Amino acid sequence: MRFVFAILLFLCIFASFKVEGKHLELSIPVLSDAPQQHLFFHELLRTALENDGHSVTFNEVTLAQFKAIQQLKSGGIAIFWMLDTKQRNDEFICLETGLTNGLIGKRVLLIRRSEQELFKQIKNIKDLQQLDYIAGLGLNWFDVQIWEANNLPYETLSGNWEILFEMFVNNYAFDYLPRGINEITDDADKHPKLMIEQNLVFIYDLDMKFYLSREHPEFQEIIHKALIKANKDGVITSLVNKYWSKNIEKLNYDKRIKIKLDVPVIVPFKPDINGINHKAS
């Protein structure tokens, strides 16, 4: 009897130990060049960890996107959300759960108000290639290599990519800006001289994932497990709907022409300090 009681006592203690979570302190960025973007990712990470029994403190560091990547390399920040690429998987610790249900891989075009009729001609990728319009892209955007792989002309801007909007408004030498479904409505509100193209959506099968600095491997197992649980429990879908369902509805997504883009094996960029860089297919 005493033996049975001892076993039961041990199991109770063990169970209590298993459900007791840990407290994590994570240095995490807020992007100065996309000041609202972090809200979804921070809430997702916090919710996932808390639902798995942990508590978390975020030590927020305000950085431009390219500096956030540099800080992730050095360990200055512990975690950052980025597009899943082979190079990043080699360089950082990839937490395998996709974070947006593929939403980040759906791009809609920001165009000049006078040019909607021209874009109505486009029904497929060949039509866009033949139109020979130039996309404006940030230098380190993953879109650059996707546009190149699909034989589409583009120009890139290094530094603060928000300058792209002002250059576009002032008729600089590019013709449209591809933007994520999660961000284009805000972009259009901030730049009323531009408009959202009404008929097209470009799709590639990639998603954001959380990446840990290799200087902070101690967080890997806990966050990995919490994200798997969050995905299984519908937390990711719920937060995607919370943040972006209105955008999807406003953009009339279901009725848009879906154009699938090829996704290359994405390789790292070399820094360029010369501002605008032209690439024509």
Protein backbone atom coordinates (compact mmCIF):
# COMPACT_ATOMS: atom_id res chain seq x y z
CA MET A 1 0.00 0.00 0.00
CA ARG A 2 2.80 2.36 0.91
CA PHE A 3 4.47 1.57 -2.40
CA VAL A 4 1.29 2.43 -4.33
CA PHE A 5 0.94 5.65 -2.36
CA ALA A 6 4.56 6.57 -3.11
CA ILE A 7 4.02 5.95 -6.81
CA LEU A 8 0.89 8.12 -6.84
CA LEU A 9 2.72 10.88 -4.96
CA PHE A 10 5.58 10.75 -7.46
CA LEU A 11 3.17 10.95 -10.39
CA CYS A 12 1.45 13.96 -8.87
CA ILE A 13 4.74 15.74 -8.34
CA PHE A 14 5.89 14.84 -11.84
CA ALA A 15 2.63 16.09 -13.36
CA SER A 16 2.96 19.36 -11.47
CA PHE A 17 6.51 19.74 -12.74
CA LYS A 18 5.44 19.08 -16.32
CA VAL A 19 2.74 21.77 -16.39
CA GLU A 20 4.87 24.42 -14.71
CA GLY A 21 6.04 26.73 -17.44
CA LYS A 22 9.12 28.84 -17.78
CA HIS A 23 9.56 32.58 -18.00
CA LEU A 24 11.27 33.72 -21.19
CA GLU A 25 12.89 37.10 -21.81
CA LEU A 26 13.19 37.65 -25.54
CA SER A 27 14.84 40.55 -27.33
CA ILE A 28 12.62 41.09 -30.36
CA PRO A 29 12.44 43.85 -33.00
CA VAL A 30 9.90 46.52 -33.79
CA LEU A 31 10.59 47.58 -37.37
CA SER A 32 11.08 51.30 -37.85
CA ASP A 33 10.31 50.99 -41.57
CA ALA A 34 7.09 49.00 -40.94
CA PRO A 35 5.96 50.19 -37.51
CA GLN A 36 2.72 48.17 -37.35
CA GLN A 37 4.03 44.89 -38.75
CA HIS A 38 5.23 43.51 -35.43
CA LEU A 39 1.79 43.54 -33.82
CA PHE A 40 0.62 40.27 -35.37
CA PHE A 41 3.91 38.43 -34.82
CA HIS A 42 4.34 39.61 -31.24
CA GLU A 43 0.79 38.63 -30.34
CA LEU A 44 1.16 35.25 -32.01
CA LEU A 45 4.38 34.46 -30.18
CA ARG A 46 3.08 35.67 -26.82
CA THR A 47 -0.21 33.78 -27.19
CA ALA A 48 1.52 30.57 -28.27
CA LEU A 49 3.87 30.63 -25.29
CA GLU A 50 1.21 31.57 -22.74
CA ASN A 51 -1.19 28.91 -24.05
CA ASP A 52 1.59 26.37 -23.54
CA GLY A 53 2.01 27.37 -19.91
CA HIS A 54 4.88 29.86 -20.14
CA SER A 55 5.21 33.57 -19.48
CA VAL A 56 7.24 35.94 -21.61
CA THR A 57 8.75 39.41 -21.48
CA PHE A 58 9.57 41.10 -24.77
CA ASN A 59 12.54 43.45 -24.75
CA GLU A 60 11.61 45.46 -27.82
CA VAL A 61 14.35 46.93 -30.00
CA THR A 62 13.40 49.42 -32.72
CA LEU A 63 15.39 48.69 -35.88
CA ALA A 64 15.19 48.95 -39.64
CA GLN A 65 14.58 45.56 -41.23
CA PHE A 66 18.10 45.05 -42.58
CA LYS A 67 19.56 45.97 -39.19
CA ALA A 68 17.24 43.51 -37.48
CA ILE A 69 18.75 40.74 -39.62
CA GLN A 70 22.25 41.90 -38.67
CA GLN A 71 21.30 41.90 -34.99
CA LEU A 72 19.86 38.41 -35.32
CA LYS A 73 23.21 37.25 -36.68
CA SER A 74 25.15 38.76 -33.79
CA GLY A 75 22.67 37.76 -31.09
CA GLY A 76 21.63 41.35 -30.35
CA ILE A 77 18.07 40.15 -30.81
CA ALA A 78 16.94 36.60 -30.14
CA ILE A 79 14.08 36.12 -32.60
CA PHE A 80 12.71 37.63 -35.83
CA TRP A 81 10.02 36.71 -38.34
CA MET A 82 11.26 36.29 -41.91
CA LEU A 83 10.40 34.54 -45.12
CA ASP A 84 11.45 30.89 -45.14
CA THR A 85 14.51 30.54 -47.39
CA LYS A 86 17.33 28.01 -47.59
CA GLN A 87 19.98 30.62 -46.86
CA ARG A 88 18.19 31.75 -43.71
CA ASN A 89 17.65 28.14 -42.66
CA ASP A 90 21.43 27.65 -42.86
CA GLU A 91 22.26 30.89 -41.09
CA PHE A 92 19.71 30.89 -38.27
CA ILE A 93 17.59 28.41 -36.32
CA CYS A 94 14.34 28.01 -38.23
CA LEU A 95 11.19 27.25 -36.25
CA GLU A 96 9.29 25.29 -38.87
CA THR A 97 5.70 26.43 -38.30
CA GLY A 98 4.37 28.79 -40.99
CA LEU A 99 3.00 31.96 -39.41
CA THR A 100 0.46 33.47 -41.83
CA ASN A 101 -1.23 30.49 -43.52
CA GLY A 102 0.61 31.54 -46.69
CA LEU A 103 -0.96 35.00 -46.71
CA ILE A 104 2.41 36.74 -46.99
CA GLY A 105 2.94 35.01 -50.34
CA LYS A 106 -0.03 36.77 -51.93
CA ARG A 107 0.88 40.10 -53.55
CA VAL A 108 -1.40 42.83 -54.90
CA LEU A 109 -0.17 45.79 -56.91
CA LEU A 110 -0.12 49.44 -55.93
CA ILE A 111 -0.44 51.50 -59.12
CA ARG A 112 -0.98 55.05 -60.34
CA ARG A 113 -4.62 56.03 -60.57
CA SER A 114 -4.38 56.69 -64.29
CA GLU A 115 -3.25 53.18 -65.23
CA GLN A 116 -5.92 50.73 -64.11
CA GLU A 117 -7.09 50.26 -67.70
CA LEU A 118 -3.62 49.10 -68.75
CA PHE A 119 -3.55 46.49 -66.00
CA LYS A 120 -6.95 45.19 -67.09
CA GLN A 121 -5.14 43.69 -70.10
CA ILE A 122 -3.24 41.28 -67.84
CA LYS A 123 -4.68 37.77 -67.53
CA ASN A 124 -1.50 35.75 -66.93
CA ILE A 125 2.24 36.04 -66.37
CA LYS A 126 3.00 36.38 -70.09
CA ASP A 127 0.77 39.44 -70.33
CA LEU A 128 2.71 41.15 -67.54
CA GLN A 129 6.02 40.21 -69.16
CA GLN A 130 4.90 41.68 -72.48
CA LEU A 131 3.65 44.87 -70.87
CA ASP A 132 7.29 45.33 -69.77
CA TYR A 133 6.34 47.36 -66.73
CA ILE A 134 8.98 47.74 -64.03
CA ALA A 135 8.33 46.81 -60.41
CA GLY A 136 9.77 48.91 -57.60
CA LEU A 137 11.26 46.71 -54.86
CA GLY A 138 13.33 47.09 -51.72
CA LEU A 139 16.84 45.75 -52.24
CA ASN A 140 16.59 42.91 -49.73
CA TRP A 141 12.99 41.95 -50.42
CA PHE A 142 12.54 38.31 -51.33
CA ASP A 143 10.34 39.55 -54.20
CA VAL A 144 13.51 40.57 -56.07
CA GLN A 145 14.60 37.03 -56.82
CA ILE A 146 11.04 35.91 -57.50
CA TRP A 147 10.55 38.72 -60.03
CA GLU A 148 13.87 37.82 -61.65
CA ALA A 149 13.02 34.12 -61.76
CA ASN A 150 9.77 35.00 -63.55
CA ASN A 151 11.52 37.23 -66.09
CA LEU A 152 9.87 40.42 -64.85
CA PRO A 153 11.71 43.77 -64.90
CA TYR A 154 12.35 45.55 -61.61
CA GLU A 155 14.36 48.24 -59.88
CA THR A 156 15.57 48.04 -56.30
CA LEU A 157 16.14 50.68 -53.67
CA SER A 158 18.58 50.19 -50.80
CA GLY A 159 18.19 51.90 -47.46
CA ASN A 160 14.76 53.10 -46.31
CA TRP A 161 12.40 51.40 -48.74
CA GLU A 162 9.51 53.73 -47.84
CA ILE A 163 11.14 56.24 -50.20
CA LEU A 164 9.81 53.96 -52.96
CA PHE A 165 6.33 55.35 -52.40
CA GLU A 166 7.40 58.97 -52.80
CA MET A 167 9.47 58.16 -55.87
CA PHE A 168 6.53 56.30 -57.36
CA VAL A 169 4.14 59.19 -56.73
CA ASN A 170 6.65 61.48 -58.46
CA ASN A 171 6.76 59.27 -61.56
CA TYR A 172 10.16 57.74 -61.02
CA ALA A 173 11.09 54.97 -63.48
CA PHE A 174 9.03 52.12 -62.12
CA ASP A 175 5.41 51.34 -62.78
CA TYR A 176 3.97 49.41 -59.84
CA LEU A 177 4.73 48.23 -56.32
CA PRO A 178 3.84 44.65 -55.32
CA ARG A 179 2.64 44.61 -51.72
CA GLY A 180 1.33 41.96 -49.37
CA ILE A 181 -2.38 41.56 -48.76
CA ASN A 182 -1.61 42.27 -45.12
CA GLU A 183 -0.11 45.70 -45.84
CA ILE A 184 -1.43 47.20 -49.09
CA THR A 185 -4.62 48.77 -47.72
CA ASP A 186 -2.58 50.76 -45.19
CA ASP A 187 -0.16 51.77 -47.95
CA ALA A 188 -3.02 53.03 -50.12
CA ASP A 189 -4.52 55.00 -47.23
CA LYS A 190 -1.17 56.72 -46.62
CA HIS A 191 -0.62 57.51 -50.31
CA PRO A 192 -3.93 58.72 -51.79
CA LYS A 193 -2.36 59.56 -55.18
CA LEU A 194 -1.88 55.82 -55.66
CA MET A 195 -4.51 53.08 -55.85
CA ILE A 196 -4.84 49.33 -55.39
CA GLU A 197 -4.98 47.47 -58.70
CA GLN A 198 -8.44 45.90 -58.87
CA ASN A 199 -8.12 42.59 -60.73
CA LEU A 200 -4.90 40.68 -59.98
CA VAL A 201 -3.17 38.79 -57.20
CA PHE A 202 0.27 37.20 -57.56
CA ILE A 203 0.89 34.06 -55.52
CA TYR A 204 3.98 32.16 -54.50
CA ASP A 205 4.14 29.28 -52.03
CA LEU A 206 6.21 30.77 -49.23
CA ASP A 207 5.44 31.82 -45.69
CA MET A 208 6.97 33.70 -42.79
CA LYS A 209 8.59 31.71 -40.00
CA PHE A 210 10.24 32.68 -36.76
CA TYR A 211 14.02 32.49 -36.80
CA LEU A 212 16.17 32.29 -33.69
CA SER A 213 19.69 33.63 -33.47
CA ARG A 214 22.25 30.84 -33.18
CA GLU A 215 23.43 32.76 -30.11
CA HIS A 216 20.15 31.85 -28.38
CA PRO A 217 19.50 28.13 -28.97
CA GLU A 218 18.07 27.77 -25.46
CA PHE A 219 14.68 29.02 -26.69
CA GLN A 220 14.34 26.60 -29.60
CA GLU A 221 12.56 23.64 -28.01
CA ILE A 222 10.09 25.71 -25.98
CA ILE A 223 9.03 28.03 -28.82
CA HIS A 224 8.97 25.23 -31.40
CA LYS A 225 6.59 23.18 -29.25
CA ALA A 226 4.40 26.22 -28.45
CA LEU A 227 4.02 27.14 -32.13
CA ILE A 228 3.08 23.60 -33.13
CA LYS A 229 0.37 23.64 -30.46
CA ALA A 230 -0.81 27.10 -31.53
CA ASN A 231 -1.16 25.95 -35.12
CA LYS A 232 -3.02 22.78 -34.11
CA ASP A 233 -5.35 24.73 -31.82
CA GLY A 234 -6.27 27.28 -34.53
CA VAL A 235 -4.49 30.22 -32.91
CA ILE A 236 -2.67 31.17 -36.14
CA THR A 237 -5.87 31.09 -38.22
CA SER A 238 -7.70 33.10 -35.57
CA LEU A 239 -5.02 35.82 -35.49
CA VAL A 240 -4.72 35.94 -39.29
CA ASN A 241 -8.46 36.57 -39.38
CA LYS A 242 -8.24 39.13 -36.58
CA TYR A 243 -5.58 41.20 -38.31
CA TRP A 244 -6.27 40.71 -42.01
CA SER A 245 -9.75 39.36 -42.79
CA LYS A 246 -10.99 42.90 -43.46
CA ASN A 247 -8.14 43.41 -45.93
CA ILE A 248 -9.00 40.19 -47.76
CA GLU A 249 -12.66 41.21 -47.96
CA LYS A 250 -11.85 44.79 -49.02
CA LEU A 251 -9.53 43.54 -51.77
CA ASN A 252 -12.24 41.24 -53.18
CA TYR A 253 -9.65 38.47 -53.12
CA ASP A 254 -11.86 35.60 -54.28
CA LYS A 255 -12.75 37.34 -57.55
CA ARG A 256 -9.23 38.38 -58.49
CA ILE A 257 -7.27 36.64 -61.25
CA LYS A 258 -4.75 34.38 -59.50
CA ILE A 259 -1.30 34.39 -61.14
CA LYS A 260 1.13 31.82 -59.78
CA LEU A 261 4.79 32.82 -59.75
CA ASP A 262 7.74 30.43 -59.78
CA VAL A 263 9.80 30.41 -56.61
CA PRO A 264 13.57 30.05 -57.10
CA VAL A 265 16.10 28.72 -54.64
CA ILE A 266 16.65 32.04 -52.91
CA VAL A 267 20.25 33.07 -52.36
CA PRO A 268 21.63 35.85 -50.16
CA PHE A 269 22.02 39.40 -51.39
CA LYS A 270 25.23 41.35 -51.38
CA PRO A 271 24.79 44.80 -49.84
CA ASP A 272 24.57 47.71 -52.25
CA ILE A 273 25.09 51.27 -51.09
CA ASN A 274 24.36 53.05 -54.34
CA GLY A 275 20.63 53.55 -53.94
CA ILE A 276 18.67 52.53 -57.02
CA ASN A 277 19.75 49.39 -58.84
CA HIS A 278 18.20 48.47 -62.18
CA LYS A 279 17.48 44.97 -63.39
CA ALA A 280 15.64 44.47 -66.64
CA SER A 281 14.73 40.98 -67.81
